Amino acid sequence: MQVRRVIRGWALTVVVGALVLAVVGCGPAQDEADVDFHEWSSGPDFQEGTAEGTAVDGDSVRIGDPHGTVLHPSPDGGEREYDFARWTSPVHPLDFGATQLVGSWNASTPPGTWVQVEMRGRTASGADTGWYVLGQWASGDADIKRTSVGGQSDANGSVDVDTFTASPGAELSGYQLRVTLHRATGTSASPSVSLLGAMASAIPDRFEVPASGSGGAWGVELPVPRYSQNIHKGHFPQFGGGGEAWCSPTSAEMVVEYWGKRPSEQDLAWIGPNHPDPVVDHAARQTFDYAYDGTGNWSFNAAYAASYGLEARITRLRSLADAEQYIRSGIPLITSQSFRADELDGAGYGTEGHLMVIVGFTEDGDVIANDPASSDDAAVRNVYPRKQFENVWLRTKRYDADGKEAGGSGGIAYVINPAGFPDRPAL
């Protein structure tokens, strides 16, 4: 599993960045948790924004007449000139003071193209922050080094890999998103963006979360493929240290293939014939963040899944009862949890941050999870006690094995489904 960094803030301490959807479920009321998810994902949505050289193409935005050119480093150490165009969203207002924000984007990036996603916040005083880069992304790695951007910190807040955290007293009352689309100068290909969204949240510190009742999915199990990250131990260590750190891309690949998508044989040709489950190696390479030096960037994993024609968002849910609404609709969830070895019976390990896939629930409501931190593919299916799983997933604070205070994910989940999937719970 890959350990994510700890984000420290007055309202939330988490192991990883968080993107939140506000989903009304039948779990325990937690009205102290404020979450808001908003996206632009249709032609009319993109018509609302400010275009600088972009054009709306159906339900996507792409380069029209480029706004200008820019030089950007290439993976070989040189520089390449790119045409660029930019789309900026209207301000999305919030009805609470948000302490965190994470972006999601679904984009197509043909060879020679890439996108940069940014966020600008609005504070309660009505002042705008500067623009913060949430990611420089392409589905491949031949044109740019896919990366988050470090060193972004000022009086209003800071960005840690994929997550903006507001400074105390500078909570967000709204925000804008901006995407800059690039193509190599002299070429005609264009990236296209079909979804640009963000979660804003204010989640209180909590060590314990009450257990939820049934959400209607007890006895339901989805046939999600099973992949172990551990059989890739030591493989391609240049991508975040090898398979033992690949919980996020391994989980993402399971869900991508549940929906009938997978890399082509041409995509996998670089791996070689002797690697088991080469799709996992491929997913790790395609989600690798060069600045973070790992494969656990949440936004990048969502974008990877979306590159197969799926929709992908990062979310925080309020309970397992809420999670059951997705399972009932046929949508598996990728969740993030952290725990000591004595806090989740049956796991056999402890972790500061680990991703696995909720694929269903037993007749008694316990969680059926495809846990990539398993010895082999056959051992990936695990059953974890409901109350324990819910607590280690939803809490924002915990004590580690040394008795020191540490973070928890606060209910992080990736939601991945086909475009226009009719039965997805409302965001």
Protein backbone atom coordinates (compact mmCIF):
# COMPACT_ATOMS: atom_id res chain seq x y z
CA MET A 1 0.00 0.00 0.00
CA GLN A 2 1.13 3.56 -0.54
CA VAL A 3 1.20 5.90 2.43
CA ARG A 4 -0.17 9.33 1.64
CA ARG A 5 0.87 12.54 3.34
CA VAL A 6 -0.97 13.96 6.35
CA ILE A 7 -2.87 17.20 5.76
CA ARG A 8 -3.03 19.33 8.90
CA GLY A 9 -5.81 21.83 9.35
CA TRP A 10 -7.98 23.08 12.16
CA ALA A 11 -11.07 21.28 10.88
CA LEU A 12 -9.68 18.13 9.27
CA THR A 13 -6.61 15.93 9.44
CA VAL A 14 -6.48 13.32 6.67
CA VAL A 15 -3.97 10.94 5.21
CA VAL A 16 -4.88 11.86 1.67
CA GLY A 17 -6.60 14.55 -0.33
CA ALA A 18 -10.37 14.35 -0.48
CA LEU A 19 -13.03 15.00 -3.04
CA VAL A 20 -16.56 15.01 -1.63
CA LEU A 21 -20.00 14.47 -3.06
CA ALA A 22 -22.99 15.49 -0.98
CA VAL A 23 -25.14 12.39 -0.99
CA VAL A 24 -28.29 12.16 1.08
CA GLY A 25 -28.46 8.68 2.54
CA CYS A 26 -30.12 6.81 5.34
CA GLY A 27 -27.11 6.59 7.63
CA PRO A 28 -26.68 8.40 10.94
CA ALA A 29 -27.16 12.13 10.73
CA GLN A 30 -23.85 13.97 10.70
CA ASP A 31 -25.08 17.49 10.03
CA GLU A 32 -21.85 18.89 11.41
CA ALA A 33 -20.14 17.65 8.21
CA ASP A 34 -20.53 20.13 5.35
CA VAL A 35 -19.80 18.87 1.85
CA ASP A 36 -20.51 20.25 -1.60
CA PHE A 37 -19.71 18.81 -5.02
CA HIS A 38 -20.26 20.76 -8.23
CA GLU A 39 -19.24 20.03 -11.80
CA TRP A 40 -19.39 21.44 -15.31
CA SER A 41 -20.01 18.53 -17.67
CA SER A 42 -22.26 19.50 -20.57
CA GLY A 43 -22.36 21.85 -23.52
CA PRO A 44 -24.63 24.31 -21.71
CA ASP A 45 -22.35 24.14 -18.66
CA PHE A 46 -19.28 25.01 -20.70
CA GLN A 47 -21.16 27.82 -22.46
CA GLU A 48 -21.52 29.47 -19.04
CA GLY A 49 -17.80 29.93 -18.55
CA THR A 50 -15.23 32.35 -19.96
CA ALA A 51 -13.51 31.08 -23.12
CA GLU A 52 -10.03 32.19 -24.10
CA GLY A 53 -9.43 30.32 -27.33
CA THR A 54 -11.61 27.34 -26.42
CA ALA A 55 -14.65 26.00 -28.25
CA VAL A 56 -17.53 23.87 -27.02
CA ASP A 57 -17.74 20.60 -28.95
CA GLY A 58 -20.90 18.72 -27.97
CA ASP A 59 -20.57 18.15 -24.24
CA SER A 60 -16.84 18.88 -24.09
CA VAL A 61 -14.55 21.87 -24.33
CA ARG A 62 -11.51 21.82 -26.63
CA ILE A 63 -9.02 24.17 -28.30
CA GLY A 64 -10.61 26.40 -30.93
CA ASP A 65 -8.37 29.31 -31.93
CA PRO A 66 -5.37 29.14 -29.58
CA HIS A 67 -5.00 32.00 -27.13
CA GLY A 68 -1.20 31.92 -27.19
CA THR A 69 1.90 29.75 -26.91
CA VAL A 70 4.00 28.59 -23.99
CA LEU A 71 7.20 26.61 -23.46
CA HIS A 72 6.97 23.56 -21.19
CA PRO A 73 9.62 21.04 -20.09
CA SER A 74 9.60 17.72 -21.93
CA PRO A 75 10.45 14.36 -20.32
CA ASP A 76 13.84 14.26 -22.07
CA GLY A 77 14.97 17.40 -20.27
CA GLY A 78 14.39 19.83 -23.12
CA GLU A 79 11.51 22.19 -23.82
CA ARG A 80 8.65 22.09 -26.28
CA GLU A 81 6.38 24.86 -27.51
CA TYR A 82 2.64 24.43 -27.07
CA ASP A 83 -0.39 26.35 -28.26
CA PHE A 84 -2.85 26.86 -25.43
CA ALA A 85 -6.45 27.85 -24.81
CA ARG A 86 -8.20 28.37 -21.49
CA TRP A 87 -11.68 27.91 -20.04
CA THR A 88 -12.68 29.45 -16.70
CA SER A 89 -15.82 28.54 -14.80
CA PRO A 90 -18.22 30.96 -13.18
CA VAL A 91 -17.91 31.32 -9.40
CA HIS A 92 -19.62 28.45 -7.61
CA PRO A 93 -20.95 29.78 -4.27
CA LEU A 94 -20.92 27.74 -1.06
CA ASP A 95 -23.29 28.05 1.88
CA PHE A 96 -20.61 27.18 4.44
CA GLY A 97 -16.96 28.00 4.99
CA ALA A 98 -14.99 25.27 3.24
CA THR A 99 -11.63 24.21 4.62
CA GLN A 100 -10.66 21.86 1.77
CA LEU A 101 -11.13 21.49 -1.97
CA VAL A 102 -10.10 18.81 -4.46
CA GLY A 103 -10.68 18.82 -8.21
CA SER A 104 -11.75 16.09 -10.61
CA TRP A 105 -11.44 16.17 -14.36
CA ASN A 106 -12.33 13.74 -17.15
CA ALA A 107 -10.25 14.46 -20.24
CA SER A 108 -8.97 12.97 -23.47
CA THR A 109 -5.35 13.85 -24.30
CA PRO A 110 -4.15 12.59 -27.70
CA PRO A 111 -0.37 12.45 -28.26
CA GLY A 112 1.15 15.93 -28.13
CA THR A 113 -1.52 17.33 -25.78
CA TRP A 114 -2.06 17.86 -22.05
CA VAL A 115 -4.14 19.89 -19.59
CA GLN A 116 -3.55 21.97 -16.49
CA VAL A 117 -6.31 22.36 -13.88
CA GLU A 118 -6.37 25.26 -11.41
CA MET A 119 -8.60 26.61 -8.65
CA ARG A 120 -9.20 30.12 -7.29
CA GLY A 121 -11.06 30.49 -4.01
CA ARG A 122 -13.25 33.27 -2.69
CA THR A 123 -13.05 33.96 1.02
CA ALA A 124 -15.87 35.05 3.34
CA SER A 125 -14.71 38.67 3.00
CA GLY A 126 -15.34 38.48 -0.75
CA ALA A 127 -11.65 38.55 -1.65
CA ASP A 128 -10.30 36.16 -4.29
CA THR A 129 -7.24 34.04 -3.67
CA GLY A 130 -4.62 33.53 -6.33
CA TRP A 131 -4.78 30.60 -8.73
CA TYR A 132 -3.54 27.24 -7.40
CA VAL A 133 -2.50 24.42 -9.74
CA LEU A 134 -4.30 21.16 -8.95
CA GLY A 135 -2.47 19.13 -11.59
CA GLN A 136 -0.69 18.99 -14.93
CA TRP A 137 -2.04 15.87 -16.58
CA ALA A 138 -1.92 13.70 -19.68
CA SER A 139 -3.02 10.09 -20.02
CA GLY A 140 0.39 9.17 -21.42
CA ASP A 141 3.89 10.18 -20.35
CA ALA A 142 5.66 10.85 -23.64
CA ASP A 143 4.92 14.58 -23.81
CA ILE A 144 5.05 15.83 -20.21
CA LYS A 145 5.77 14.46 -16.79
CA ARG A 146 2.32 14.10 -15.26
CA THR A 147 2.61 15.99 -11.99
CA SER A 148 1.20 17.87 -9.08
CA VAL A 149 2.92 21.16 -8.26
CA GLY A 150 4.71 21.70 -4.97
CA GLY A 151 5.53 24.92 -3.15
CA GLN A 152 2.06 26.44 -3.39
CA SER A 153 1.46 28.08 -0.02
CA ASP A 154 0.37 31.57 1.00
CA ALA A 155 -1.73 33.36 3.59
CA ASN A 156 -4.96 31.91 2.16
CA GLY A 157 -3.96 28.26 2.06
CA SER A 158 -1.78 25.62 0.48
CA VAL A 159 -1.90 22.70 -1.94
CA ASP A 160 -0.66 19.27 -0.85
CA VAL A 161 -0.49 17.04 -3.94
CA ASP A 162 -4.20 17.04 -4.94
CA THR A 163 -5.81 18.90 -2.03
CA PHE A 164 -6.17 22.61 -1.32
CA THR A 165 -6.47 23.36 2.41
CA ALA A 166 -7.60 26.83 3.49
CA SER A 167 -5.76 28.65 6.25
CA PRO A 168 -7.71 29.32 9.47
CA GLY A 169 -9.79 32.43 8.93
CA ALA A 170 -9.61 32.10 5.14
CA GLU A 171 -12.29 29.46 4.64
CA LEU A 172 -13.86 29.46 1.19
CA SER A 173 -17.29 30.90 0.45
CA GLY A 174 -16.95 29.95 -3.22
CA TYR A 175 -14.48 29.03 -5.93
CA GLN A 176 -13.74 28.96 -9.65
CA LEU A 177 -12.02 26.27 -11.70
CA ARG A 178 -9.85 26.86 -14.75
CA VAL A 179 -8.52 24.39 -17.29
CA THR A 180 -5.77 25.25 -19.77
CA LEU A 181 -5.59 22.95 -22.80
CA HIS A 182 -2.27 22.51 -24.62
CA ARG A 183 -1.22 21.05 -27.97
CA ALA A 184 2.20 20.93 -29.57
CA THR A 185 2.65 23.98 -31.79
CA GLY A 186 2.25 23.09 -35.45
CA THR A 187 -0.15 20.20 -34.78
CA SER A 188 -3.94 20.10 -34.96
CA ALA A 189 -4.86 17.59 -32.27
CA SER A 190 -6.62 18.93 -29.20
CA PRO A 191 -7.29 17.66 -25.72
CA SER A 192 -10.95 17.70 -24.73
CA VAL A 193 -12.43 17.99 -21.26
CA SER A 194 -15.85 16.47 -20.61
CA LEU A 195 -16.03 17.02 -16.85
CA LEU A 196 -14.47 19.60 -14.56
CA GLY A 197 -15.58 19.54 -10.96
CA ALA A 198 -14.58 19.97 -7.36
CA MET A 199 -15.53 19.09 -3.84
CA ALA A 200 -15.46 21.65 -1.07
CA SER A 201 -15.86 20.47 2.50
CA ALA A 202 -15.63 21.29 6.18
CA ILE A 203 -15.45 18.07 8.19
CA PRO A 204 -15.04 18.18 11.99
CA ASP A 205 -12.38 16.28 13.87
CA ARG A 206 -13.71 12.92 14.99
CA PHE A 207 -12.10 9.81 16.43
CA GLU A 208 -15.27 7.71 16.46
CA VAL A 209 -18.17 7.56 14.00
CA PRO A 210 -21.48 5.89 14.90
CA ALA A 211 -22.42 2.79 12.96
CA SER A 212 -25.17 3.11 10.36
CA GLY A 213 -28.14 0.85 9.75
CA SER A 214 -28.99 -0.93 6.53
CA GLY A 215 -29.02 0.99 3.29
CA GLY A 216 -30.76 -1.80 1.40
CA ALA A 217 -27.76 -3.65 -0.04
CA TRP A 218 -27.27 -6.40 2.55
CA GLY A 219 -26.79 -9.62 0.61
CA VAL A 220 -25.71 -7.83 -2.59
CA GLU A 221 -22.27 -8.52 -4.12
CA LEU A 222 -20.97 -7.15 -7.42
CA PRO A 223 -18.73 -9.30 -9.69
CA VAL A 224 -15.67 -7.04 -9.61
CA PRO A 225 -12.41 -8.54 -10.95
CA ARG A 226 -9.74 -9.23 -8.33
CA TYR A 227 -6.15 -7.99 -8.53
CA SER A 228 -3.47 -8.18 -5.88
CA GLN A 229 -0.90 -5.39 -5.65
CA ASN A 230 1.42 -7.60 -3.62
CA ILE A 231 2.23 -9.98 -6.47
CA HIS A 232 3.83 -6.91 -8.11
CA LYS A 233 6.21 -6.28 -5.22
CA GLY A 234 9.44 -4.86 -6.61
CA HIS A 235 8.06 -4.44 -10.12
CA PHE A 236 8.93 -1.14 -11.81
CA PRO A 237 10.11 0.64 -8.65
CA GLN A 238 10.47 3.87 -10.65
CA PHE A 239 6.68 4.18 -10.35
CA GLY A 240 6.34 4.93 -6.66
CA GLY A 241 8.43 2.09 -5.25
CA GLY A 242 6.84 -0.97 -6.84
CA GLY A 243 3.64 -2.95 -6.51
CA GLU A 244 3.55 -2.93 -2.72
CA ALA A 245 2.68 0.79 -3.01
CA TRP A 246 0.09 0.49 -5.79
CA CYS A 247 -3.18 0.15 -3.85
CA SER A 248 -4.85 3.06 -5.66
CA PRO A 249 -4.15 2.09 -9.31
CA THR A 250 -4.78 -1.59 -8.52
CA SER A 251 -8.19 -0.69 -7.11
CA ALA A 252 -8.90 1.64 -10.03
CA GLU A 253 -8.03 -1.10 -12.53
CA MET A 254 -10.42 -3.54 -10.83
CA VAL A 255 -13.30 -1.10 -11.27
CA VAL A 256 -12.32 -0.10 -14.81
CA GLU A 257 -12.44 -3.76 -15.81
CA TYR A 258 -15.73 -4.31 -13.95
CA TRP A 259 -17.18 -1.90 -16.50
CA GLY A 260 -15.75 -3.92 -19.40
CA LYS A 261 -12.80 -1.62 -20.16
CA ARG A 262 -9.07 -2.41 -20.11
CA PRO A 263 -5.77 -1.44 -21.70
CA SER A 264 -5.12 -2.78 -25.19
CA GLU A 265 -2.38 -5.27 -25.98
CA GLN A 266 -0.49 -2.40 -27.59
CA ASP A 267 -0.79 -0.44 -24.36
CA LEU A 268 0.77 -3.35 -22.47
CA ALA A 269 3.58 -4.11 -24.91
CA TRP A 270 6.16 -2.17 -22.85
CA ILE A 271 5.78 -4.50 -19.86
CA GLY A 272 7.15 -7.78 -21.16
CA PRO A 273 5.78 -11.33 -21.15
CA ASN A 274 6.70 -12.52 -17.65
CA HIS A 275 4.73 -10.10 -15.49
CA PRO A 276 1.47 -11.34 -13.95
CA ASP A 277 -1.54 -9.07 -14.44
CA PRO A 278 0.31 -6.50 -16.58
CA VAL A 279 -2.77 -4.25 -16.49
CA VAL A 280 -1.81 -3.36 -12.92
CA ASP A 281 1.69 -2.31 -13.96
CA HIS A 282 0.12 -0.21 -16.71
CA ALA A 283 -2.31 1.48 -14.32
CA ALA A 284 0.56 2.34 -11.98
CA ARG A 285 2.55 3.96 -14.78
CA GLN A 286 -0.48 5.92 -16.02
CA THR A 287 -1.30 7.33 -12.56
CA PHE A 288 2.27 8.11 -11.48
CA ASP A 289 2.78 11.66 -10.18
CA TYR A 290 6.37 12.74 -10.77
CA ALA A 291 6.44 15.46 -8.08
CA TYR A 292 4.70 13.34 -5.45
CA ASP A 293 6.75 10.33 -6.58
CA GLY A 294 3.84 7.97 -6.18
CA THR A 295 0.68 6.55 -7.72
CA GLY A 296 -1.75 7.70 -5.03
CA ASN A 297 -2.81 11.09 -6.44
CA TRP A 298 -6.58 10.84 -6.20
CA SER A 299 -7.36 13.19 -9.07
CA PHE A 300 -4.92 11.33 -11.34
CA ASN A 301 -6.52 7.97 -10.54
CA ALA A 302 -9.96 9.33 -11.36
CA ALA A 303 -8.64 10.82 -14.60
CA TYR A 304 -7.04 7.47 -15.49
CA ALA A 305 -10.36 5.67 -15.13
CA ALA A 306 -12.11 8.37 -17.16
CA SER A 307 -9.61 7.93 -19.99
CA TYR A 308 -11.48 4.70 -20.87
CA GLY A 309 -14.67 6.61 -21.61
CA LEU A 310 -15.98 6.32 -18.05
CA GLU A 311 -16.99 9.09 -15.65
CA ALA A 312 -14.92 9.32 -12.49
CA ARG A 313 -15.20 11.52 -9.43
CA ILE A 314 -13.65 11.56 -5.98
CA THR A 315 -16.09 11.75 -3.13
CA ARG A 316 -16.56 11.64 0.60
CA LEU A 317 -19.64 9.76 1.81
CA ARG A 318 -21.26 10.01 5.24
CA SER A 319 -21.94 6.35 6.06
CA LEU A 320 -21.92 2.77 4.83
CA ALA A 321 -25.66 3.17 4.37
CA ASP A 322 -24.86 5.86 1.79
CA ALA A 323 -22.30 3.54 0.20
CA GLU A 324 -25.00 0.89 -0.11
CA GLN A 325 -26.97 3.16 -2.45
CA TYR A 326 -24.12 2.82 -4.96
CA ILE A 327 -23.85 -0.95 -4.53
CA ARG A 328 -27.61 -1.27 -5.05
CA SER A 329 -27.19 0.70 -8.28
CA GLY A 330 -24.41 -1.61 -9.46
CA ILE A 331 -21.54 0.81 -8.77
CA PRO A 332 -18.57 -0.47 -6.72
CA LEU A 333 -16.76 2.11 -4.59
CA ILE A 334 -13.05 2.58 -4.00
CA THR A 335 -12.52 3.71 -0.40
CA SER A 336 -9.59 4.96 1.65
CA GLN A 337 -9.03 3.92 5.23
CA SER A 338 -6.23 3.95 7.83
CA PHE A 339 -5.98 1.69 10.85
CA ARG A 340 -3.79 -0.20 13.27
CA ALA A 341 -3.57 -3.96 12.85
CA ASP A 342 -5.89 -4.43 15.87
CA GLU A 343 -8.62 -2.15 14.49
CA LEU A 344 -9.84 -4.14 11.48
CA ASP A 345 -10.32 -7.83 12.14
CA GLY A 346 -9.17 -10.05 9.29
CA ALA A 347 -6.89 -7.53 7.60
CA GLY A 348 -3.71 -8.75 9.25
CA TYR A 349 -1.86 -5.46 8.79
CA GLY A 350 -1.96 -1.80 9.75
CA THR A 351 -1.75 1.17 7.41
CA GLU A 352 -1.52 4.96 7.40
CA GLY A 353 -3.58 5.01 4.20
CA HIS A 354 -4.85 2.26 1.93
CA LEU A 355 -7.37 1.94 -0.91
CA MET A 356 -9.66 -1.04 -1.46
CA VAL A 357 -12.91 -1.69 -3.33
CA ILE A 358 -16.29 -2.14 -1.63
CA VAL A 359 -17.99 -4.76 -3.84
CA GLY A 360 -20.93 -5.65 -1.61
CA PHE A 361 -22.31 -6.58 1.79
CA THR A 362 -23.02 -9.86 3.53
CA GLU A 363 -26.51 -10.83 4.68
CA ASP A 364 -25.55 -9.37 8.08
CA GLY A 365 -24.31 -6.07 6.63
CA ASP A 366 -20.57 -6.67 6.90
CA VAL A 367 -18.41 -5.22 4.15
CA ILE A 368 -17.21 -7.37 1.26
CA ALA A 369 -14.06 -5.73 -0.03
CA ASN A 370 -11.61 -6.47 -2.80
CA ASP A 371 -8.46 -5.67 -0.83
CA PRO A 372 -5.41 -5.38 -3.10
CA ALA A 373 -3.09 -5.81 -0.08
CA SER A 374 -3.56 -9.57 -0.36
CA SER A 375 -1.12 -12.38 -1.08
CA ASP A 376 -2.51 -13.17 -4.53
CA ASP A 377 -5.56 -12.55 -6.71
CA ALA A 378 -7.52 -15.41 -5.18
CA ALA A 379 -7.13 -13.91 -1.70
CA VAL A 380 -8.33 -10.42 -2.66
CA ARG A 381 -11.96 -10.94 -1.59
CA ASN A 382 -12.26 -10.20 2.12
CA VAL A 383 -15.10 -9.66 4.59
CA TYR A 384 -14.57 -6.96 7.23
CA PRO A 385 -16.82 -6.22 10.25
CA ARG A 386 -19.22 -3.41 9.42
CA LYS A 387 -18.75 -1.28 12.55
CA GLN A 388 -14.95 -1.51 12.39
CA PHE A 389 -14.77 -0.78 8.68
CA GLU A 390 -17.16 2.16 8.91
CA ASN A 391 -15.16 3.73 11.71
CA VAL A 392 -11.70 3.38 10.15
CA TRP A 393 -13.08 4.74 6.86
CA LEU A 394 -15.12 7.71 8.13
CA ARG A 395 -13.08 9.07 11.02
CA THR A 396 -10.70 11.99 10.54
CA LYS A 397 -8.48 11.32 13.57
CA ARG A 398 -6.94 8.20 15.06
CA TYR A 399 -4.06 7.03 17.21
CA ASP A 400 -1.23 5.17 15.55
CA ALA A 401 0.68 2.17 16.94
CA ASP A 402 2.89 4.52 19.00
CA GLY A 403 -0.12 6.27 20.54
CA LYS A 404 0.44 9.41 18.53
CA GLU A 405 -2.43 11.31 16.94
CA ALA A 406 -2.69 10.73 13.19
CA GLY A 407 -5.17 11.30 10.40
CA GLY A 408 -8.05 9.41 8.83
CA SER A 409 -9.67 9.80 5.44
CA GLY A 410 -13.10 11.05 6.52
CA GLY A 411 -15.02 8.80 4.13
CA ILE A 412 -13.05 9.12 0.89
CA ALA A 413 -14.35 7.16 -2.09
CA TYR A 414 -13.84 7.08 -5.84
CA VAL A 415 -17.07 6.82 -7.84
CA ILE A 416 -16.51 5.39 -11.34
CA ASN A 417 -19.32 4.55 -13.74
CA PRO A 418 -20.17 4.64 -17.46
CA ALA A 419 -21.05 8.03 -18.91
CA GLY A 420 -24.70 8.86 -18.39
CA PHE A 421 -25.26 5.84 -16.12
CA PRO A 422 -28.96 6.21 -15.29
CA ASP A 423 -28.98 4.57 -11.85
CA ARG A 424 -26.14 6.46 -10.18
CA PRO A 425 -27.28 8.11 -6.96
CA ALA A 426 -27.72 11.85 -7.33
CA LEU A 427 -24.65 13.94 -6.51
